[in-house]
Each structure stands twice: as C-alpha cells, then as structure tokens.
C-alpha cells in the first residue's frame, strides 16, 4: 500500500529559525582542533590572557588598575578568558599603554606571546586628555568596551593564523559530525526528520559519520509540542519547537538552531512528509553555519607583525573627542 504523504502545512521561514550561541561571531582564540592541536600550531595560545596593570598609562595607580580590570571584564564578555593579574610564566598577555598625540590620549593594546614577543598591536579610540585624566568607572567601562572589540578581532585573526599552520585543522578538512537522531516528535517525525537531515547534510562540505569516535561535533535534536492558540477559525492549534543542538568534541555547546511554529492540532500525528524535508534542509544549513563560526575556519588570518591592516571599527558607545 502506498503511503500518503502529509501535505506541507508547516513553513519554516528564516524568521522562524533562531540561531543561538555558535552563530554569534565571537572568537575562540584559545581553542584548538583536536588533541594534537597544540603540537601542530606553533606557539598556540594557552587557556587565559593575563591583563596586568599598565605602568605607562598616564593615569594614577588606582585608575590604571581600574582600566586593566575593566578591559579584562569586557574581554570576558567577548568569551575571551582574560584575567586582570600580573603576567604568569607560559601565559599570553596584554600589554596596555597610553600615548599623548595632539592633545589626545591614544590607548594602545599589544598582544604578547609567552616569550614576550609582540604578536599584534591595536590602537583604541583617542580621547581628550582632560577626560582621560579625570576618568571614572563609567568612563573606563566605555574605554574597555572599545578595547575588547578590537582585541577580540586580533585574537580571532591569531586563531585563524594558527589554524592555517595546522594541517589537521578545519581550515584544511571537512568537519566530522555525529548525528544522534531526533527524539520527542509525534508520528513518524523522529525517523523522517533524522533521514531528511542526513540527506540534506550530504550537500554540505562536512560529513556525517556513524560513530561519536573522533567526531568534531555532535548534533542532537529534540521536538516538543504544546497546546497553542485557538486559531482564527476556531480550529485548535499546537505550538511546535524543534531544537538542533550542536556541541564540540568536549561536549561544550557550539550553538543551537531552534525552529518555532504554530500548526493545526494533531496534523503531524502520523506522517511528516515534506514538512520533515523543509525543516531538515533549513537545519542542515544552520548547523553548518554554527560549525563555521564556532570553529573560526572562515576567519581571515592576522597579518604578520609590521604589515598594514585596518583596525576594526569602534562601537558607537565608545568615548569620542569633545567638540
């Protein structure tokens, strides 16, 4: 007997797809690909970035310390494991100083390797001397936010440079993905969604494998239905939520794609048909985007020290010269 497929009643538009975590363009400068990563990437960054109190900040000791603490805090908000502390042996660290130029103070940030060599330098937004000298907590918070976006861009470039040098990194090969399947769907949804996702993912540059062994990422999917609104014509509806979770090899969340929609109640109690195909195609594309951004494999390597490279744009909330 030929199976009658469920008609397409659920349209997964881009507005219904929420990309979480991994689809934010955040750096992972201290990550490496696999257990062999540190040995393959020369001078790979460790687990933290020290931010010592700068001695040449054109500030009082108290305000110099405040500047360092605020920068470390702003870097943490960029998912960079920074600590306001003196430099420790084996750590990468951030050298900060300030220079006077034509009545303005220019903050300067230099990323240093554990061997105390310069890896990259970025300048912050210039501010008037009076504003710098009289700076308070809110002022240095703004300065730190400006610094964090610039430093994050630099560290992202450093990570990309290390990945370029690592022949086993995801810049040079497909990601290995283990898909655990779908749970919680009514009808044949668990099977239909899983099969459609695997089929859609074959169009990706990455590959699905049948085991979690040596996988770079693991994808698992949950489906949840809850009672929905009555509907404009009085027909009962249900609210469906499909979440595609992506974690890295260590179980750390790389991101999640969430699909939300209201459907006719019980319309998916038997066959999903084209609904599964539409949802899986969108989820496969979102999963690849999560992997791309989390791994950083599409990021451009940082220019070599001494070469010219434009600084990233400062955020709108940073301090600007008066008048």
Protein backbone atom coordinates (compact mmCIF):
# COMPACT_ATOMS: atom_id res chain seq x y z
CA UNK A 1 0.00 0.00 0.00
CA UNK A 2 1.38 3.36 -0.97
CA UNK A 3 1.92 5.76 1.91
CA UNK A 4 0.05 9.03 1.61
CA UNK A 5 2.43 11.86 2.45
CA UNK A 6 1.38 14.65 4.75
CA UNK A 7 0.91 17.89 2.78
CA UNK A 8 3.23 20.78 3.59
CA UNK A 9 1.44 22.66 6.36
CA UNK A 10 4.48 23.93 8.23
CA UNK A 11 6.54 26.62 6.51
CA UNK A 12 9.92 27.07 8.18
CA UNK A 13 10.84 30.57 7.10
CA UNK A 14 14.08 32.26 8.05
CA UNK A 15 12.18 34.33 10.61
CA UNK A 16 11.22 31.11 12.41
CA UNK A 17 14.80 29.85 12.68
CA UNK A 18 16.65 31.10 15.73
CA UNK A 19 20.41 30.58 15.75
CA UNK A 20 21.91 30.57 19.20
CA UNK A 21 25.45 30.62 20.59
CA UNK A 22 27.52 29.33 17.69
CA UNK A 23 26.08 31.75 15.19
CA UNK A 24 27.34 34.76 17.06
CA UNK A 25 30.55 35.98 15.53
CA UNK A 26 32.62 35.52 18.66
CA UNK A 27 36.26 34.47 18.76
CA UNK A 28 37.60 31.30 20.31
CA UNK A 29 41.26 32.35 20.34
CA UNK A 30 42.41 29.72 22.82
CA UNK A 31 40.69 26.76 21.21
CA UNK A 32 42.48 24.16 19.13
CA UNK A 33 41.22 21.41 16.86
CA UNK A 34 41.61 18.01 18.46
CA UNK A 35 44.09 16.55 20.89
CA UNK A 36 47.02 17.14 18.51
CA UNK A 37 46.29 20.83 18.04
CA UNK A 38 48.84 22.35 20.46
CA UNK A 39 51.71 20.45 18.87
CA UNK A 40 50.72 21.41 15.37
CA UNK A 41 50.13 25.13 15.78
CA UNK A 42 53.30 26.97 16.64
CA UNK A 43 53.18 28.81 19.95
CA UNK A 44 49.46 28.09 20.41
CA UNK A 45 47.70 30.32 22.97
CA UNK A 46 47.01 28.79 26.40
CA UNK A 47 43.83 28.86 28.47
CA UNK A 48 43.92 32.51 29.52
CA UNK A 49 45.11 36.00 28.69
CA UNK A 50 46.74 37.95 31.50
CA UNK A 51 45.94 41.67 31.76
CA UNK A 52 48.47 43.29 34.12
CA UNK A 53 48.11 46.83 35.45
CA UNK A 54 49.86 49.08 32.90
CA UNK A 55 52.78 51.16 34.22
CA UNK A 56 52.70 53.68 31.35
CA UNK A 57 49.02 54.59 31.28
CA UNK A 58 49.18 58.35 32.03
CA UNK A 59 46.94 57.51 34.99
CA UNK A 60 47.09 57.22 38.73
CA UNK A 61 47.86 53.73 40.03
CA UNK A 62 44.22 53.31 41.06
CA UNK A 63 42.86 54.29 37.65
CA UNK A 64 45.47 52.18 35.82
CA UNK A 65 44.32 49.19 37.84
CA UNK A 66 40.69 50.06 37.09
CA UNK A 67 41.48 50.22 33.37
CA UNK A 68 43.05 46.75 33.45
CA UNK A 69 40.15 45.25 35.39
CA UNK A 70 37.56 46.79 33.07
CA UNK A 71 39.38 45.56 29.97
CA UNK A 72 39.58 42.02 31.41
CA UNK A 73 35.87 42.12 32.22
CA UNK A 74 34.98 43.37 28.74
CA UNK A 75 37.08 40.61 27.19
CA UNK A 76 35.23 38.02 29.26
CA UNK A 77 32.01 39.32 27.76
CA UNK A 78 33.57 38.57 24.35
CA UNK A 79 34.14 34.94 25.55
CA UNK A 80 37.87 35.57 25.91
CA UNK A 81 39.25 34.09 29.18
CA UNK A 82 41.07 37.19 30.37
CA UNK A 83 42.24 37.75 33.95
CA UNK A 84 43.38 41.05 35.47
CA UNK A 85 46.59 39.84 37.09
CA UNK A 86 50.38 40.10 36.73
CA UNK A 87 51.86 38.14 33.86
CA UNK A 88 52.45 34.47 34.64
CA UNK A 89 55.03 32.23 33.05
CA UNK A 90 53.68 30.46 29.99
CA UNK A 91 50.73 32.84 29.54
CA UNK A 92 49.89 35.10 26.67
CA UNK A 93 49.28 38.61 27.98
CA UNK A 94 48.01 42.03 27.03
CA UNK A 95 50.35 45.00 27.25
CA UNK A 96 48.50 48.30 27.62
CA UNK A 97 49.84 51.82 27.48
CA UNK A 98 48.69 55.33 26.56
CA UNK A 99 50.35 57.99 24.39
CA UNK A 100 49.80 61.73 24.05
CA UNK A 101 49.12 62.93 20.50
CA UNK A 102 47.99 66.48 19.72
CA UNK A 103 46.07 66.94 22.94
CA UNK A 104 44.51 63.48 22.80
CA UNK A 105 45.30 60.28 24.66
CA UNK A 106 45.54 57.17 22.49
CA UNK A 107 45.17 53.81 24.29
CA UNK A 108 47.42 51.13 22.77
CA UNK A 109 46.93 47.39 23.20
CA UNK A 110 49.60 44.83 22.33
CA UNK A 111 49.05 41.08 22.39
CA UNK A 112 52.22 39.43 23.71
CA UNK A 113 53.27 35.79 23.43
CA UNK A 114 54.64 33.82 26.42
CA UNK A 115 58.12 34.60 25.06
CA UNK A 116 57.35 38.32 25.40
CA UNK A 117 57.32 38.91 21.65
CA UNK A 118 54.78 41.19 20.01
CA UNK A 119 52.05 39.29 18.15
CA UNK A 120 49.79 42.21 17.25
CA UNK A 121 49.01 45.81 18.24
CA UNK A 122 45.75 47.75 18.10
CA UNK A 123 45.04 51.37 18.99
CA UNK A 124 41.89 52.38 20.82
CA UNK A 125 39.63 55.37 20.30
CA UNK A 126 41.51 58.63 21.16
CA UNK A 127 40.02 60.74 23.94
CA UNK A 128 40.78 64.26 25.27
CA UNK A 129 43.50 64.48 27.92
CA UNK A 130 41.14 66.00 30.49
CA UNK A 131 38.62 63.24 30.04
CA UNK A 132 41.31 60.57 30.36
CA UNK A 133 42.88 62.07 33.48
CA UNK A 134 39.56 62.58 35.26
CA UNK A 135 38.14 59.25 34.14
CA UNK A 136 35.79 57.38 36.47
CA UNK A 137 34.23 53.91 36.46
CA UNK A 138 31.68 54.52 33.68
CA UNK A 139 34.32 56.18 31.51
CA UNK A 140 36.78 53.27 31.72
CA UNK A 141 33.92 50.84 31.09
CA UNK A 142 33.38 52.55 27.72
CA UNK A 143 37.12 52.55 27.01
CA UNK A 144 37.25 48.84 27.85
CA UNK A 145 34.31 48.01 25.59
CA UNK A 146 36.08 49.75 22.72
CA UNK A 147 39.25 47.82 23.51
CA UNK A 148 37.53 44.44 23.75
CA UNK A 149 36.07 44.55 20.25
CA UNK A 150 39.46 45.44 18.79
CA UNK A 151 41.38 42.85 20.81
CA UNK A 152 38.79 40.18 20.00
CA UNK A 153 39.29 40.83 16.29
CA UNK A 154 43.04 40.48 16.71
CA UNK A 155 42.76 37.22 18.66
CA UNK A 156 40.36 35.84 16.08
CA UNK A 157 42.99 36.55 13.44
CA UNK A 158 45.67 34.87 15.55
CA UNK A 159 43.48 31.78 15.89
CA UNK A 160 42.90 31.73 12.13
CA UNK A 161 46.64 32.03 11.54
CA UNK A 162 47.30 29.05 13.83
CA UNK A 163 44.61 27.05 12.02
CA UNK A 164 46.28 27.87 8.70
CA UNK A 165 49.52 26.37 10.01
CA UNK A 166 47.78 23.27 11.37
CA UNK A 167 47.23 20.75 8.54
CA UNK A 168 44.66 18.92 10.67
CA UNK A 169 42.51 21.98 11.43
CA UNK A 170 39.06 22.54 9.96
CA UNK A 171 40.53 25.06 7.54
CA UNK A 172 42.01 22.10 5.67
CA UNK A 173 39.42 19.34 6.04
CA UNK A 174 35.74 18.62 6.47
CA UNK A 175 34.27 18.57 9.96
CA UNK A 176 33.28 15.11 11.17
CA UNK A 177 29.74 15.23 12.56
CA UNK A 178 27.97 12.55 14.58
CA UNK A 179 24.19 12.88 14.49
CA UNK A 180 22.46 11.17 17.41
CA UNK A 181 18.98 11.42 15.88
CA UNK A 182 15.66 13.01 16.84
CA UNK A 183 13.54 12.49 19.95
CA UNK A 184 10.11 13.69 21.05
CA UNK A 185 8.41 14.03 17.66
CA UNK A 186 4.89 12.66 17.13
CA UNK A 187 4.04 10.24 14.33
CA UNK A 188 6.97 9.25 12.17
CA UNK A 189 8.74 12.55 12.92
CA UNK A 190 11.74 11.05 14.71
CA UNK A 191 12.57 8.90 11.69
CA UNK A 192 11.50 11.33 8.97
CA UNK A 193 13.41 14.29 10.42
CA UNK A 194 16.53 12.22 11.01
CA UNK A 195 16.55 10.79 7.49
CA UNK A 196 15.87 14.17 5.91
CA UNK A 197 18.61 15.85 7.95
CA UNK A 198 21.18 13.22 6.97
CA UNK A 199 20.17 13.57 3.32
CA UNK A 200 20.33 17.38 3.44
CA UNK A 201 23.69 17.36 5.19
CA UNK A 202 25.25 15.43 2.30
CA UNK A 203 25.20 18.68 0.35
CA UNK A 204 27.45 20.26 2.99
CA UNK A 205 31.24 20.31 2.86
CA UNK A 206 31.14 18.47 6.19
CA UNK A 207 30.39 14.78 6.68
CA UNK A 208 28.11 12.75 8.94
CA UNK A 209 29.66 9.65 10.46
CA UNK A 210 28.09 6.68 12.24
CA UNK A 211 30.06 6.93 15.47
CA UNK A 212 30.95 9.56 18.03
CA UNK A 213 34.59 8.42 17.90
CA UNK A 214 36.86 11.20 16.60
CA UNK A 215 33.85 13.38 15.81
CA UNK A 216 34.48 17.13 15.80
CA UNK A 217 30.85 17.94 16.56
CA UNK A 218 27.78 16.07 17.79
CA UNK A 219 24.26 17.08 16.74
CA UNK A 220 21.16 16.01 18.65
CA UNK A 221 17.57 17.08 18.05
CA UNK A 222 14.53 17.39 20.29
CA UNK A 223 10.93 18.10 19.32
CA UNK A 224 8.34 19.48 21.71
CA UNK A 225 4.63 20.11 21.12
CA UNK A 226 2.48 22.21 23.45
CA UNK A 227 -1.10 23.47 23.18
CA UNK A 228 -1.31 26.56 21.02
CA UNK A 229 -3.80 29.33 20.29
CA UNK A 230 -7.36 28.50 19.24
CA UNK A 231 -6.78 29.73 15.69
CA UNK A 232 -8.62 32.38 13.69
CA UNK A 233 -11.36 29.95 12.57
CA UNK A 234 -11.75 28.18 15.87
CA UNK A 235 -9.60 25.18 14.94
CA UNK A 236 -7.28 24.11 17.78
CA UNK A 237 -3.57 24.57 17.20
CA UNK A 238 -0.31 23.31 18.65
CA UNK A 239 2.99 25.05 19.15
CA UNK A 240 5.95 23.05 17.82
CA UNK A 241 9.57 23.64 18.84
CA UNK A 242 12.42 21.78 17.15
CA UNK A 243 15.89 22.36 18.62
CA UNK A 244 19.04 21.19 16.85
CA UNK A 245 21.82 21.17 19.46
CA UNK A 246 25.45 21.28 18.34
CA UNK A 247 28.30 20.51 20.78
CA UNK A 248 32.01 20.16 20.17
CA UNK A 249 34.16 17.10 20.83
CA UNK A 250 34.46 18.07 24.51
CA UNK A 251 30.71 18.45 24.97
CA UNK A 252 30.83 22.26 25.01
CA UNK A 253 27.88 23.92 23.32
CA UNK A 254 28.79 25.31 19.93
CA UNK A 255 25.29 26.58 19.23
CA UNK A 256 21.68 25.63 18.64
CA UNK A 257 19.17 26.21 15.88
CA UNK A 258 15.57 26.49 17.09
CA UNK A 259 12.55 26.23 14.79
CA UNK A 260 9.22 27.54 16.10
CA UNK A 261 5.78 27.42 14.52
CA UNK A 262 2.06 27.03 15.22
CA UNK A 263 0.37 24.14 13.40
CA UNK A 264 -3.09 22.60 13.21
CA UNK A 265 -3.50 20.35 16.23
CA UNK A 266 -2.61 16.68 15.52
CA UNK A 267 -1.64 17.46 11.90
CA UNK A 268 1.71 15.72 12.44
CA UNK A 269 0.42 12.78 14.46
CA UNK A 270 1.08 10.38 11.55
CA UNK A 271 3.22 11.36 8.57
CA UNK A 272 5.53 14.36 8.36
CA UNK A 273 6.36 14.08 4.65
CA UNK A 274 7.52 17.36 3.10
CA UNK A 275 7.41 19.05 6.50
CA UNK A 276 10.39 16.97 7.62
CA UNK A 277 12.27 17.81 4.42
CA UNK A 278 11.68 21.56 4.79
CA UNK A 279 12.71 21.59 8.45
CA UNK A 280 15.77 19.39 7.89
CA UNK A 281 17.08 21.39 4.94
CA UNK A 282 16.98 24.59 6.95
CA UNK A 283 18.52 22.87 9.99
CA UNK A 284 21.37 21.39 7.92
CA UNK A 285 22.30 24.85 6.63
CA UNK A 286 22.09 26.30 10.15
CA UNK A 287 24.27 23.51 11.57
CA UNK A 288 26.96 24.22 9.00
CA UNK A 289 26.81 27.91 9.89
CA UNK A 290 27.23 27.08 13.58
CA UNK A 291 30.23 24.86 12.83
CA UNK A 292 31.80 27.50 10.58
CA UNK A 293 31.52 30.28 13.12
CA UNK A 294 32.35 28.24 16.19
CA UNK A 295 35.46 26.70 14.62
CA UNK A 296 36.58 30.00 13.08
CA UNK A 297 37.66 28.25 9.90
CA UNK A 298 36.31 31.06 7.71
CA UNK A 299 38.14 33.78 9.62
CA UNK A 300 40.97 35.61 7.88
CA UNK A 301 44.44 35.09 9.39
CA UNK A 302 46.02 38.07 11.11
CA UNK A 303 48.53 39.99 9.04
CA UNK A 304 52.14 39.42 10.01
CA UNK A 305 53.58 41.93 12.54
CA UNK A 306 54.75 45.09 10.82
CA UNK A 307 52.34 44.84 7.89
CA UNK A 308 49.45 47.21 7.46
CA UNK A 309 45.94 46.04 8.32
CA UNK A 310 42.91 48.24 9.05
CA UNK A 311 41.68 48.26 12.63
CA UNK A 312 38.11 47.11 13.27
CA UNK A 313 35.50 49.83 13.60
CA UNK A 314 34.92 51.07 17.13
CA UNK A 315 31.45 50.57 18.62
CA UNK A 316 29.14 53.57 18.75
CA UNK A 317 29.22 53.70 22.56
CA UNK A 318 32.96 54.41 22.81
CA UNK A 319 34.21 57.78 24.03
CA UNK A 320 34.93 60.36 21.34
CA UNK A 321 36.84 63.63 21.42
CA UNK A 322 34.78 66.62 22.50
CA UNK A 323 33.91 69.36 20.08
